Structure formats: C-alpha cells, structure tokens
Amino acid sequence: MVLSETIYQTLIQHMDLGIHIVDDTGKTVIYNEKMAQIENMNSRDVLYRNISDVFAFNEGHGSTLEQAWRNGTESHKPRQTYLNNQGVEITTVNHTFPVREGGRIIGAVEIAKDITKLERILQENRSQSSRKYTFQHIIGSSRELMEAVEFARRATRTTSSVLIIGETGTGKEIFAQSIHNESSRAAKPFISQNCAALPDSLIESILFGTNKGAFTGASDRPGLFEQAEGGTLLLDELNSLSPHLQSKLLRVLQERTIRRIGGTKDVEVDIRIIATMNEDPVDAITENRLRKDLYYRLGVVTLFIPPLQERKADIAPLAEFFTAKYNRLFQLHVTGLTPAVERLFQEHNWPGNVRELEHVIEGAMNVIETEELIDTKHLPFPFRNRPVPDHTPAISTAKQHDPAVISPIEGSPGLHEYLFQAEKQYVKQILEENNYNIKQAAGILGLSRQSLQYRLKKLGIQKILV
C-alpha cells in the first residue's frame, strides 16, 4: 500500500499536465509541480486553501474547478484566463470534472494545459506588426550599407520571396519591414515570427493554425499564414525550423495553399515570404540545417547585410542616433562621445553588431549624471576592459599580398571603374591561391564569409566554391 501511494504521488508530480484537485469544501488537496509552474505559484501558497482566496477571476467567468465541486459541472473550456496571487495573468486550456462517491460530490479535478506563452507570442506578433520601418530608418552612409539598401529597394518592385542573410544584430528585420512598407503590399499585414523561439509542436500550430479537435483543447484558430493574407510574413532564423516544417513551408511556397492542423481542406493564401538567417546558407545546407530545395525556392532574391565591423563609417551616425534616442527616454542632454570612446568604438570588432552598439550606449547613459559626453568611465565594465582586438588580416603562408599592386588596366578608366576592376582582380587572385576555398579566402581578405559571397556576386565572379 505504501508503495502504491509512492507511485501515485510520483506519477502526479511528473506529469506534463497541470493537476489541481480540491475536496468537498473547495480546498486544494493535490497541486502538482507542473500546475505550480503554469501558474507561477508555490504549492504551499495553494495547498489547503480555497480557490477564491488564491486566484482572481474576471466578473462572470468564475473558476471552472469551483463550479465542478459546487454544481457538479464538467467542462472542456477552450480557454480560461485569470490572475494568480501576484497579479500575473495566466491562460490555460482545462478539462474540469467532479469526483463522485455514492452519488455525492467529494471533490473535483482540473487538468490544465498552459497556453500563456502562446497568447503572449500572438500579442507580441500583433504589436510588432504595428511598428513600421522604412528605408529612412536605416542609419548609416557607408558604401557597403548603401549597396545593401539599393539592392533591397529593387526587391520592393516584385512579390518574389526574399532571403536576408546577416549576423545577429545587423538589422535584418528593419530591412524586411522596409521592403514590405515600400511594396504594393504595404497596406496589408506584416507579421514577424522568430522560428528559434519555440518548439516545433508550437511553431507549427502558430504558422498553420488549428481546427477544433486536432488535439485536447484545440480550437478553430487561423495561423500566421492566414493572418498575413495579402501582406508579408517574416520568418526569422529560418534555419532553426526542423526538416519537417521546412518541407511544409516548401509546399506553401510551391502551391500557395496551407492546411490547418487537424484540418481536411486546403486554404489558398496570398502572401510574400521574407526569411532571415544569421549564418551562411552553404554551411547550413552542408550541416543539414537547411533544405537545399527550400534555399533555392526562398533565395530568389538574396540580400546580404554587412556586419558593423565591415562598415565602421556607420558607427558615428549610429552612436548619434542612439544617443538622441536615450536622451529623450532618460531626460538627459548628452551631446556625443569623447575622442577616447570614439577610438575605442573604432577599434572594437562589434560581434553583436548594431544591437551591441545600442546596448553599450544605453548602458553608458544609465550611469551618466550631469556630463554631456560619454566617456570611457561610463561604458559597461566588460566592454571597457576588453582587450583591443587584432584586426591584422591573416597572411597566406605562400605569399604576402599588397592590394595596392595590381596589373595594369587597359585604357583610362574613371576612378570608380578602376577600383571595381582592382578589387575584382585582387579577390580572384586570393581565391585562386587558396584553391577557391571561400572560408580561407575570406580570412585573408579580412571579411566574413557572407560578405565575401556578396562581393563575389557584385563583382561577377562565378566559380564553384567550397
């Protein structure tokens, strides 16, 4: 008997569903760990207390558990939203039923599934959709950035899928929104979803929607494909999707139809898909994180966003923009950076890109009092004490290269054409000497692999690369 009781208690505590049981007086007698996790509560604050003493429900929407033990009501409620004892809003899908013995109600059981995270994600998607960025919000004037902006502007003229490649923090979503807001779809929804933020089971229901009865607690809900009808759906970190979901996405792109989970009919959708990746697609394909056929289908238009370390001319205007932003938020009057900070910013390699720059400035302005310039003493401690990186590009062991020494160019080209041909000649030379290994060549040129690929396309260099 003792063993049976131990097994019973272990089973209850390790279930992946919330279990809440009350006795015939409405007091909690069983409250498992999953339920405590869902409701962000400590079990000692709930056990042996009445439901109404712990939780708050909207007027006219009382506790389904209380209704079960008082009235014998069984419910499969699609959704129940209430507040815990700290005022935090909880949303669950419940199956609640009374427990009877000899015709008398001796208690009630509630089995709950947490959908709070799903509700918050949907709210976040709606709030993100209300933000509108255009190309005017892209700060900087470097040649590398302007080339990316010009390429993105051309993509506004069509409805083809777009693949945006860039390191984390380079501003890929701003480019995506800019393409949408200057296209013929601007009046329709723009919906963004981070594919890395959620498990497959949840992301699939969010993207494709659900039909009632698809699983316990499922209701008729349109997915993001349907919600973005006529507009644009941004899939951030596409390479985080499982092969199964990548296959379903490929079907959407090919057939322009989706089927809800649990559904039996296909629904036509008219959307433009923009996807982003923070790694080289060649690497993702090689390591089976990206389907090759999906890459070819999505990459009709491929846009590379250069990292901040390769466009350091943009650091000053970006710093000015972020300083003005936090002056408004913090009621400060900071006018700029000291020369020492300017030098430090130019020497830093910015692995977090524009996002890191913003965070550094925000952190500095949190500790400023009456000063008008951001000084090194205001910078976050890890940043201030980070060693100055060595930006000297790797040198081929076979031969040292001087980019200023190039073969003569016929005729008398203008400066722009001369520089274009010189760059093309030098890049080809490095590629040839490294047997067209793009990773090695990028290291010697002091570029990221993504940036080198972008330059190869711009320079018209076509060769099978490894």
Protein backbone atom coordinates (compact mmCIF):
# COMPACT_ATOMS: atom_id res chain seq x y z
CA MET A 1 0.00 0.00 0.00
CA VAL A 2 2.85 2.36 0.82
CA LEU A 3 4.48 1.51 -2.50
CA SER A 4 1.23 2.24 -4.37
CA GLU A 5 0.90 5.62 -2.67
CA THR A 6 4.51 6.48 -3.61
CA ILE A 7 3.93 5.52 -7.24
CA TYR A 8 0.72 7.56 -7.31
CA GLN A 9 2.42 10.68 -5.89
CA THR A 10 5.42 10.30 -8.23
CA LEU A 11 3.13 9.95 -11.25
CA ILE A 12 1.13 13.06 -10.33
CA GLN A 13 4.24 15.18 -9.78
CA HIS A 14 5.96 14.14 -13.01
CA MET A 15 3.05 14.53 -15.39
CA ASP A 16 3.48 17.15 -18.10
CA LEU A 17 -0.04 18.44 -17.42
CA GLY A 18 -1.16 20.61 -14.53
CA ILE A 19 -3.20 18.71 -11.92
CA HIS A 20 -5.29 20.63 -9.36
CA ILE A 21 -7.66 18.68 -7.09
CA VAL A 22 -9.99 20.09 -4.41
CA ASP A 23 -12.04 18.31 -1.74
CA ASP A 24 -15.74 18.71 -1.00
CA THR A 25 -15.10 22.02 0.79
CA GLY A 26 -13.26 23.58 -2.16
CA LYS A 27 -9.84 23.38 -0.52
CA THR A 28 -6.85 22.23 -2.56
CA VAL A 29 -5.58 18.76 -1.63
CA ILE A 30 -3.36 18.00 -4.65
CA TYR A 31 -1.38 20.56 -6.66
CA ASN A 32 1.40 19.10 -8.78
CA GLU A 33 4.69 20.70 -9.85
CA LYS A 34 3.53 21.31 -13.42
CA MET A 35 0.48 23.25 -12.18
CA ALA A 36 2.70 25.33 -9.91
CA GLN A 37 4.95 26.05 -12.89
CA ILE A 38 2.00 27.00 -15.13
CA GLU A 39 0.53 29.36 -12.54
CA ASN A 40 3.89 30.67 -11.34
CA MET A 41 2.97 29.73 -7.79
CA ASN A 42 4.49 27.97 -4.79
CA SER A 43 2.48 24.91 -3.79
CA ARG A 44 2.47 25.97 -0.12
CA ASP A 45 0.52 29.10 -1.12
CA VAL A 46 -2.20 26.96 -2.70
CA LEU A 47 -2.47 23.69 -0.74
CA TYR A 48 -5.30 23.51 1.83
CA ARG A 49 -6.61 26.91 0.81
CA ASN A 50 -9.84 27.80 -1.01
CA ILE A 51 -9.53 28.66 -4.72
CA SER A 52 -11.15 32.09 -4.31
CA ASP A 53 -8.59 33.01 -1.63
CA VAL A 54 -5.70 32.48 -4.04
CA PHE A 55 -6.86 33.28 -7.57
CA ALA A 56 -8.85 36.14 -9.09
CA PHE A 57 -11.27 35.63 -12.00
CA ASN A 58 -12.98 38.13 -14.26
CA GLU A 59 -16.54 39.00 -13.36
CA GLY A 60 -18.92 36.48 -14.87
CA HIS A 61 -16.11 33.99 -15.52
CA GLY A 62 -15.61 32.10 -12.28
CA SER A 63 -13.34 29.17 -11.65
CA THR A 64 -14.30 26.04 -13.59
CA LEU A 65 -12.85 23.99 -10.71
CA GLU A 66 -15.13 25.71 -8.21
CA GLN A 67 -18.15 25.17 -10.48
CA ALA A 68 -17.27 21.46 -10.68
CA TRP A 69 -17.25 20.81 -6.91
CA ARG A 70 -20.20 23.13 -6.17
CA ASN A 71 -22.55 22.25 -9.05
CA GLY A 72 -21.15 19.04 -10.49
CA THR A 73 -20.42 20.81 -13.77
CA GLU A 74 -17.98 19.17 -16.17
CA SER A 75 -16.32 21.47 -18.69
CA HIS A 76 -13.93 21.31 -21.62
CA LYS A 77 -13.24 25.02 -21.60
CA PRO A 78 -11.29 26.21 -24.66
CA ARG A 79 -9.57 28.94 -22.67
CA GLN A 80 -9.57 30.30 -19.12
CA THR A 81 -7.72 33.48 -18.14
CA TYR A 82 -7.25 34.52 -14.51
CA LEU A 83 -4.73 36.12 -12.12
CA ASN A 84 -2.52 34.40 -9.55
CA ASN A 85 -1.85 35.89 -6.10
CA GLN A 86 0.85 38.15 -7.56
CA GLY A 87 -1.45 39.64 -10.19
CA VAL A 88 0.21 37.74 -13.06
CA GLU A 89 -2.19 36.78 -15.86
CA ILE A 90 -2.42 33.05 -16.57
CA THR A 91 -4.14 31.46 -19.59
CA THR A 92 -4.89 27.73 -19.67
CA VAL A 93 -6.95 25.16 -21.53
CA ASN A 94 -8.73 22.97 -18.96
CA HIS A 95 -10.67 19.76 -18.59
CA THR A 96 -12.53 20.00 -15.29
CA PHE A 97 -14.87 17.40 -13.77
CA PRO A 98 -16.42 16.48 -10.39
CA VAL A 99 -15.49 13.34 -8.44
CA ARG A 100 -18.47 11.43 -7.05
CA GLU A 101 -18.75 8.69 -4.48
CA GLY A 102 -22.11 7.09 -3.78
CA GLY A 103 -23.87 9.83 -5.70
CA ARG A 104 -22.23 12.54 -3.59
CA ILE A 105 -19.61 15.03 -4.87
CA ILE A 106 -16.45 14.53 -2.84
CA GLY A 107 -14.21 16.83 -4.82
CA ALA A 108 -13.19 17.99 -8.29
CA VAL A 109 -10.24 17.61 -10.63
CA GLU A 110 -8.78 20.09 -13.11
CA ILE A 111 -6.30 19.02 -15.78
CA ALA A 112 -4.70 22.10 -17.33
CA LYS A 113 -2.54 22.83 -20.33
CA ASP A 114 -0.57 26.07 -20.37
CA ILE A 115 -1.12 28.36 -23.39
CA THR A 116 0.08 31.56 -21.67
CA LYS A 117 3.23 31.54 -23.79
CA LEU A 118 1.20 31.13 -26.99
CA GLU A 119 -1.07 34.05 -26.03
CA ARG A 120 1.93 36.30 -25.32
CA ILE A 121 3.58 35.35 -28.60
CA LEU A 122 0.44 36.22 -30.55
CA GLN A 123 0.19 39.56 -28.71
CA GLU A 124 3.87 40.21 -29.47
CA ASN A 125 3.30 39.44 -33.14
CA ARG A 126 0.39 41.89 -33.21
CA SER A 127 2.45 44.62 -31.52
CA GLN A 128 5.39 44.02 -33.85
CA SER A 129 3.05 44.29 -36.81
CA SER A 130 2.08 47.79 -35.67
CA ARG A 131 5.69 49.03 -35.90
CA LYS A 132 6.52 50.43 -39.31
CA TYR A 133 10.10 50.75 -40.51
CA THR A 134 11.14 52.12 -43.88
CA PHE A 135 14.49 52.59 -45.57
CA GLN A 136 14.67 56.04 -43.93
CA HIS A 137 15.09 54.25 -40.57
CA ILE A 138 18.32 52.58 -41.73
CA ILE A 139 21.12 54.67 -40.22
CA GLY A 140 24.47 54.96 -41.98
CA SER A 141 26.09 56.09 -45.21
CA SER A 142 28.90 53.60 -45.80
CA ARG A 143 29.27 52.19 -49.30
CA GLU A 144 28.64 48.67 -48.04
CA LEU A 145 25.37 49.64 -46.37
CA MET A 146 24.17 51.75 -49.28
CA GLU A 147 24.72 48.85 -51.67
CA ALA A 148 22.57 46.61 -49.45
CA VAL A 149 19.85 49.28 -49.24
CA GLU A 150 19.85 49.77 -53.02
CA PHE A 151 19.57 46.02 -53.58
CA ALA A 152 16.68 45.85 -51.08
CA ARG A 153 14.88 48.75 -52.76
CA ARG A 154 14.88 46.83 -56.03
CA ALA A 155 13.14 43.93 -54.28
CA THR A 156 10.15 46.19 -53.48
CA ARG A 157 9.07 46.12 -57.12
CA THR A 158 8.16 42.41 -57.16
CA THR A 159 6.42 39.85 -54.95
CA SER A 160 9.21 37.25 -55.07
CA SER A 161 10.43 35.60 -51.88
CA VAL A 162 13.44 37.24 -50.24
CA LEU A 163 16.20 35.67 -48.15
CA ILE A 164 18.08 38.13 -45.93
CA ILE A 165 21.42 36.90 -44.59
CA GLY A 166 23.31 38.70 -41.87
CA GLU A 167 24.84 38.27 -38.45
CA THR A 168 22.71 38.71 -35.34
CA GLY A 169 22.09 42.38 -34.59
CA THR A 170 22.66 43.75 -38.11
CA GLY A 171 19.05 44.90 -38.52
CA LYS A 172 17.60 42.22 -40.79
CA GLU A 173 14.02 42.88 -39.64
CA ILE A 174 14.30 46.59 -40.44
CA PHE A 175 15.30 45.66 -43.98
CA ALA A 176 12.40 43.20 -44.19
CA GLN A 177 9.85 45.76 -42.97
CA SER A 178 11.29 48.38 -45.32
CA ILE A 179 10.82 46.06 -48.29
CA HIS A 180 7.22 45.40 -47.23
CA ASN A 181 6.33 49.03 -46.50
CA GLU A 182 7.60 50.27 -49.85
CA SER A 183 5.98 47.48 -51.85
CA SER A 184 2.47 47.10 -53.26
CA ARG A 185 1.60 45.06 -50.14
CA ALA A 186 2.23 47.93 -47.72
CA ALA A 187 -1.45 48.36 -46.82
CA LYS A 188 -1.72 44.68 -45.83
CA PRO A 189 -0.35 42.95 -42.69
CA PHE A 190 3.33 42.50 -41.91
CA ILE A 191 3.75 39.64 -39.42
CA SER A 192 7.04 38.50 -37.95
CA GLN A 193 7.82 35.20 -36.23
CA ASN A 194 11.10 34.07 -34.70
CA CYS A 195 11.45 30.40 -35.63
CA ALA A 196 14.09 29.70 -32.97
CA ALA A 197 11.98 30.85 -30.03
CA LEU A 198 9.57 27.91 -29.89
CA PRO A 199 9.44 24.11 -30.07
CA ASP A 200 8.25 22.52 -33.33
CA SER A 201 4.84 21.50 -31.96
CA LEU A 202 4.02 25.08 -31.01
CA ILE A 203 5.54 26.84 -34.03
CA GLU A 204 3.60 24.54 -36.39
CA SER A 205 0.25 25.46 -34.82
CA ILE A 206 1.17 29.15 -34.82
CA LEU A 207 2.13 29.12 -38.50
CA PHE A 208 -0.58 26.87 -39.91
CA GLY A 209 -3.42 27.32 -37.41
CA THR A 210 -5.60 24.64 -35.80
CA ASN A 211 -9.03 23.14 -36.22
CA LYS A 212 -11.17 22.22 -33.26
CA GLY A 213 -10.49 18.65 -32.16
CA ALA A 214 -6.96 18.50 -33.57
CA PHE A 215 -5.72 17.87 -30.03
CA THR A 216 -7.01 18.33 -26.50
CA GLY A 217 -8.11 21.94 -26.10
CA ALA A 218 -7.58 22.84 -29.76
CA SER A 219 -9.92 25.47 -31.15
CA ASP A 220 -10.52 26.96 -34.58
CA ARG A 221 -7.65 29.39 -34.89
CA PRO A 222 -6.08 30.85 -38.05
CA GLY A 223 -2.30 30.61 -38.29
CA LEU A 224 0.12 33.34 -39.27
CA PHE A 225 -0.06 32.34 -42.93
CA GLU A 226 -3.76 33.18 -42.93
CA GLN A 227 -3.35 36.27 -40.75
CA ALA A 228 -0.77 37.68 -43.19
CA GLU A 229 -3.17 37.32 -46.15
CA GLY A 230 -2.31 39.84 -48.86
CA GLY A 231 0.76 41.00 -46.93
CA THR A 232 4.16 39.72 -45.84
CA LEU A 233 5.22 37.01 -43.40
CA LEU A 234 8.75 37.31 -42.00
CA LEU A 235 10.28 34.04 -40.79
CA ASP A 236 13.24 35.00 -38.62
CA GLU A 237 16.06 32.44 -38.19
CA LEU A 238 14.59 30.13 -40.79
CA ASN A 239 17.42 27.60 -40.36
CA SER A 240 16.07 26.81 -36.86
CA LEU A 241 12.99 25.10 -38.34
CA SER A 242 13.01 21.30 -38.35
CA PRO A 243 13.27 19.48 -41.70
CA HIS A 244 9.58 18.52 -41.33
CA LEU A 245 8.47 22.15 -41.07
CA GLN A 246 10.87 23.22 -43.82
CA SER A 247 9.17 20.63 -46.05
CA LYS A 248 5.72 22.06 -45.20
CA LEU A 249 6.99 25.58 -45.87
CA LEU A 250 8.31 24.48 -49.28
CA ARG A 251 4.83 23.16 -50.09
CA VAL A 252 3.29 26.51 -49.18
CA LEU A 253 5.75 28.30 -51.48
CA GLN A 254 5.06 25.92 -54.36
CA GLU A 255 1.30 25.51 -54.09
CA ARG A 256 0.30 28.71 -52.27
CA THR A 257 -2.04 26.74 -50.00
CA ILE A 258 -1.93 25.71 -46.35
CA ARG A 259 -3.81 23.16 -44.27
CA ARG A 260 -4.55 23.76 -40.61
CA ILE A 261 -3.52 21.14 -38.07
CA GLY A 262 -6.46 18.78 -37.82
CA GLY A 263 -7.99 20.26 -40.96
CA THR A 264 -9.18 18.40 -44.04
CA LYS A 265 -9.19 21.14 -46.67
CA ASP A 266 -6.53 23.35 -48.20
CA VAL A 267 -6.81 27.12 -47.85
CA GLU A 268 -5.35 29.40 -50.51
CA VAL A 269 -3.01 32.11 -49.25
CA ASP A 270 -1.64 35.18 -50.98
CA ILE A 271 1.45 36.21 -49.05
CA ARG A 272 5.03 37.22 -49.65
CA ILE A 273 7.57 35.35 -47.54
CA ILE A 274 10.74 37.03 -46.35
CA ALA A 275 13.12 34.80 -44.41
CA THR A 276 16.27 35.66 -42.47
CA MET A 277 19.32 33.64 -41.50
CA ASN A 278 22.26 34.50 -39.26
CA GLU A 279 24.65 32.02 -40.88
CA ASP A 280 25.93 31.19 -44.32
CA PRO A 281 23.33 29.10 -46.18
CA VAL A 282 26.09 26.94 -47.69
CA ASP A 283 27.16 25.92 -44.17
CA ALA A 284 23.53 25.35 -43.13
CA ILE A 285 22.90 23.11 -46.16
CA THR A 286 26.15 21.18 -45.66
CA GLU A 287 25.30 20.54 -41.99
CA ASN A 288 21.66 19.61 -42.79
CA ARG A 289 20.11 22.60 -41.05
CA LEU A 290 18.60 23.90 -44.28
CA ARG A 291 16.98 22.03 -47.15
CA LYS A 292 18.69 22.77 -50.44
CA ASP A 293 15.39 22.92 -52.37
CA LEU A 294 13.93 25.37 -49.84
CA TYR A 295 17.01 27.58 -50.13
CA TYR A 296 16.70 27.73 -53.93
CA ARG A 297 12.98 28.47 -53.64
CA LEU A 298 13.36 31.17 -50.98
CA GLY A 299 16.56 32.73 -52.27
CA VAL A 300 15.01 34.13 -55.44
CA VAL A 301 16.24 37.44 -54.07
CA THR A 302 19.17 37.08 -51.66
CA LEU A 303 20.27 40.07 -49.63
CA PHE A 304 23.48 40.18 -47.54
CA ILE A 305 23.60 42.70 -44.67
CA PRO A 306 27.25 43.55 -43.89
CA PRO A 307 28.31 43.35 -40.23
CA LEU A 308 29.19 46.54 -38.39
CA GLN A 309 32.90 45.70 -38.25
CA GLU A 310 32.96 45.92 -42.07
CA ARG A 311 31.25 49.35 -42.21
CA LYS A 312 32.79 51.28 -39.36
CA ALA A 313 31.99 54.56 -41.07
CA ASP A 314 28.43 53.96 -39.81
CA ILE A 315 29.43 53.85 -36.13
CA ALA A 316 29.41 57.64 -35.66
CA PRO A 317 25.91 58.28 -37.12
CA LEU A 318 24.53 55.24 -35.29
CA ALA A 319 26.02 56.44 -32.00
CA GLU A 320 24.50 59.88 -32.59
CA PHE A 321 21.09 58.32 -33.29
CA PHE A 322 21.12 56.11 -30.18
CA THR A 323 22.36 58.97 -28.00
CA ALA A 324 19.43 61.12 -29.15
CA LYS A 325 17.03 58.23 -28.54
CA TYR A 326 18.11 57.73 -24.92
CA ASN A 327 18.31 61.47 -24.30
CA ARG A 328 14.55 61.52 -24.92
CA LEU A 329 13.89 58.42 -22.81
CA PHE A 330 16.12 59.34 -19.87
CA GLN A 331 15.68 63.14 -19.98
CA LEU A 332 19.42 63.71 -20.49
CA HIS A 333 21.44 66.18 -22.57
CA VAL A 334 24.36 64.09 -23.84
CA THR A 335 25.85 65.65 -26.96
CA GLY A 336 28.29 62.95 -28.11
CA LEU A 337 31.34 60.81 -27.35
CA THR A 338 34.78 61.72 -26.07
CA PRO A 339 37.68 61.15 -28.52
CA ALA A 340 38.81 58.20 -26.38
CA VAL A 341 35.42 56.50 -26.74
CA GLU A 342 35.37 57.23 -30.49
CA ARG A 343 38.74 55.48 -30.83
CA LEU A 344 37.61 52.56 -28.70
CA PHE A 345 34.48 52.18 -30.81
CA GLN A 346 36.57 52.14 -34.00
CA GLU A 347 38.95 49.52 -32.56
CA HIS A 348 36.21 47.20 -31.30
CA ASN A 349 35.09 44.41 -33.66
CA TRP A 350 31.38 44.55 -32.63
CA PRO A 351 30.43 40.85 -32.60
CA GLY A 352 26.90 41.91 -31.60
CA ASN A 353 26.74 44.48 -34.42
CA VAL A 354 24.31 47.42 -34.27
CA ARG A 355 22.38 45.87 -31.39
CA GLU A 356 25.56 45.69 -29.30
CA LEU A 357 26.36 49.34 -30.06
CA GLU A 358 22.90 50.38 -28.91
CA HIS A 359 23.20 48.39 -25.68
CA VAL A 360 26.62 49.88 -24.93
CA ILE A 361 25.28 53.42 -25.36
CA GLU A 362 22.16 52.66 -23.35
CA GLY A 363 24.30 51.21 -20.55
CA ALA A 364 26.59 54.26 -20.56
CA MET A 365 23.67 56.68 -20.40
CA ASN A 366 22.25 54.83 -17.41
CA VAL A 367 25.25 55.90 -15.29
CA ILE A 368 25.69 59.44 -16.65
CA GLU A 369 24.69 62.22 -14.26
CA THR A 370 25.43 65.75 -15.50
CA GLU A 371 28.14 65.03 -18.08
CA GLU A 372 27.50 65.98 -21.69
CA LEU A 373 29.88 63.45 -23.28
CA ILE A 374 30.03 59.67 -22.95
CA ASP A 375 33.48 58.84 -21.57
CA THR A 376 35.25 55.51 -21.10
CA LYS A 377 34.31 55.51 -17.40
CA HIS A 378 30.63 55.36 -18.41
CA LEU A 379 30.98 52.30 -20.63
CA PRO A 380 29.85 48.89 -19.33
CA PHE A 381 32.62 47.18 -17.38
CA PRO A 382 33.09 44.14 -19.67
CA PHE A 383 33.32 46.42 -22.72
CA ARG A 384 35.69 48.89 -21.07
CA ASN A 385 38.11 46.15 -20.01
CA ARG A 386 38.00 44.11 -23.18
CA PRO A 387 41.42 43.87 -24.89
CA VAL A 388 41.76 45.71 -28.18
CA PRO A 389 41.27 43.14 -30.95
CA ASP A 390 43.93 42.49 -33.56
CA HIS A 391 42.42 43.34 -36.94
CA THR A 392 45.51 42.40 -38.94
CA PRO A 393 44.19 40.07 -41.65
CA ALA A 394 45.67 36.62 -41.95
CA ILE A 395 48.51 36.40 -44.45
CA SER A 396 48.87 33.50 -46.84
CA THR A 397 51.93 31.43 -45.95
CA ALA A 398 52.67 31.11 -49.62
CA LYS A 399 52.80 34.79 -50.44
CA GLN A 400 52.15 38.19 -48.89
CA HIS A 401 49.77 40.38 -50.88
CA ASP A 402 49.80 44.09 -51.43
CA PRO A 403 46.34 45.14 -52.60
CA ALA A 404 47.82 48.36 -53.98
CA VAL A 405 49.86 46.41 -56.52
CA ILE A 406 47.65 45.32 -59.41
CA SER A 407 48.10 44.57 -63.05
CA PRO A 408 47.69 47.50 -65.44
CA ILE A 409 44.13 48.15 -66.59
CA GLU A 410 43.73 48.97 -70.25
CA GLY A 411 42.56 52.41 -71.28
CA SER A 412 41.97 55.27 -68.88
CA PRO A 413 39.06 54.18 -66.72
CA GLY A 414 37.39 56.51 -64.24
CA LEU A 415 38.18 56.05 -60.55
CA HIS A 416 35.03 54.01 -59.86
CA GLU A 417 35.74 51.57 -62.70
CA TYR A 418 39.43 51.39 -61.75
CA LEU A 419 38.60 50.46 -58.14
CA PHE A 420 35.99 47.94 -59.29
CA GLN A 421 38.46 46.18 -61.59
CA ALA A 422 41.24 46.34 -58.99
CA GLU A 423 39.00 44.75 -56.35
CA LYS A 424 37.86 42.05 -58.77
CA GLN A 425 41.43 41.25 -59.77
CA TYR A 426 42.67 41.06 -56.19
CA VAL A 427 39.77 38.91 -54.97
CA LYS A 428 40.25 36.48 -57.87
CA GLN A 429 43.95 36.26 -57.06
CA ILE A 430 43.28 35.35 -53.43
CA LEU A 431 40.64 32.80 -54.43
CA GLU A 432 42.94 31.12 -56.93
CA GLU A 433 45.82 30.89 -54.46
CA ASN A 434 43.51 29.22 -51.93
CA ASN A 435 42.03 26.75 -54.40
CA TYR A 436 38.71 28.65 -54.27
CA ASN A 437 38.18 27.81 -50.60
CA ILE A 438 35.88 30.68 -49.68
CA LYS A 439 36.46 30.36 -45.93
CA GLN A 440 40.24 30.66 -46.25
CA ALA A 441 39.98 33.47 -48.79
CA ALA A 442 37.58 35.41 -46.57
CA GLY A 443 40.06 35.16 -43.67
CA ILE A 444 42.91 36.52 -45.77
CA LEU A 445 40.74 39.35 -47.10
CA GLY A 446 39.57 40.24 -43.58
CA LEU A 447 35.91 39.62 -44.49
CA SER A 448 33.20 37.36 -43.19
CA ARG A 449 32.21 34.51 -45.48
CA GLN A 450 28.81 36.14 -46.07
CA SER A 451 30.37 39.46 -47.10
CA LEU A 452 32.78 37.74 -49.48
CA GLN A 453 29.89 35.91 -51.14
CA TYR A 454 28.07 39.21 -51.54
CA ARG A 455 31.15 40.77 -53.15
CA LEU A 456 31.61 37.80 -55.50
CA LYS A 457 28.06 38.25 -56.76
CA LYS A 458 28.58 42.02 -57.18
CA LEU A 459 31.92 41.53 -58.95
CA GLY A 460 30.51 38.84 -61.25
CA ILE A 461 32.99 36.19 -60.11
CA GLN A 462 31.43 32.78 -60.69
CA LYS A 463 33.22 29.63 -59.65
CA ILE A 464 32.35 26.53 -57.65
CA LEU A 465 33.37 27.46 -54.12
CA VAL A 466 33.99 25.29 -51.07
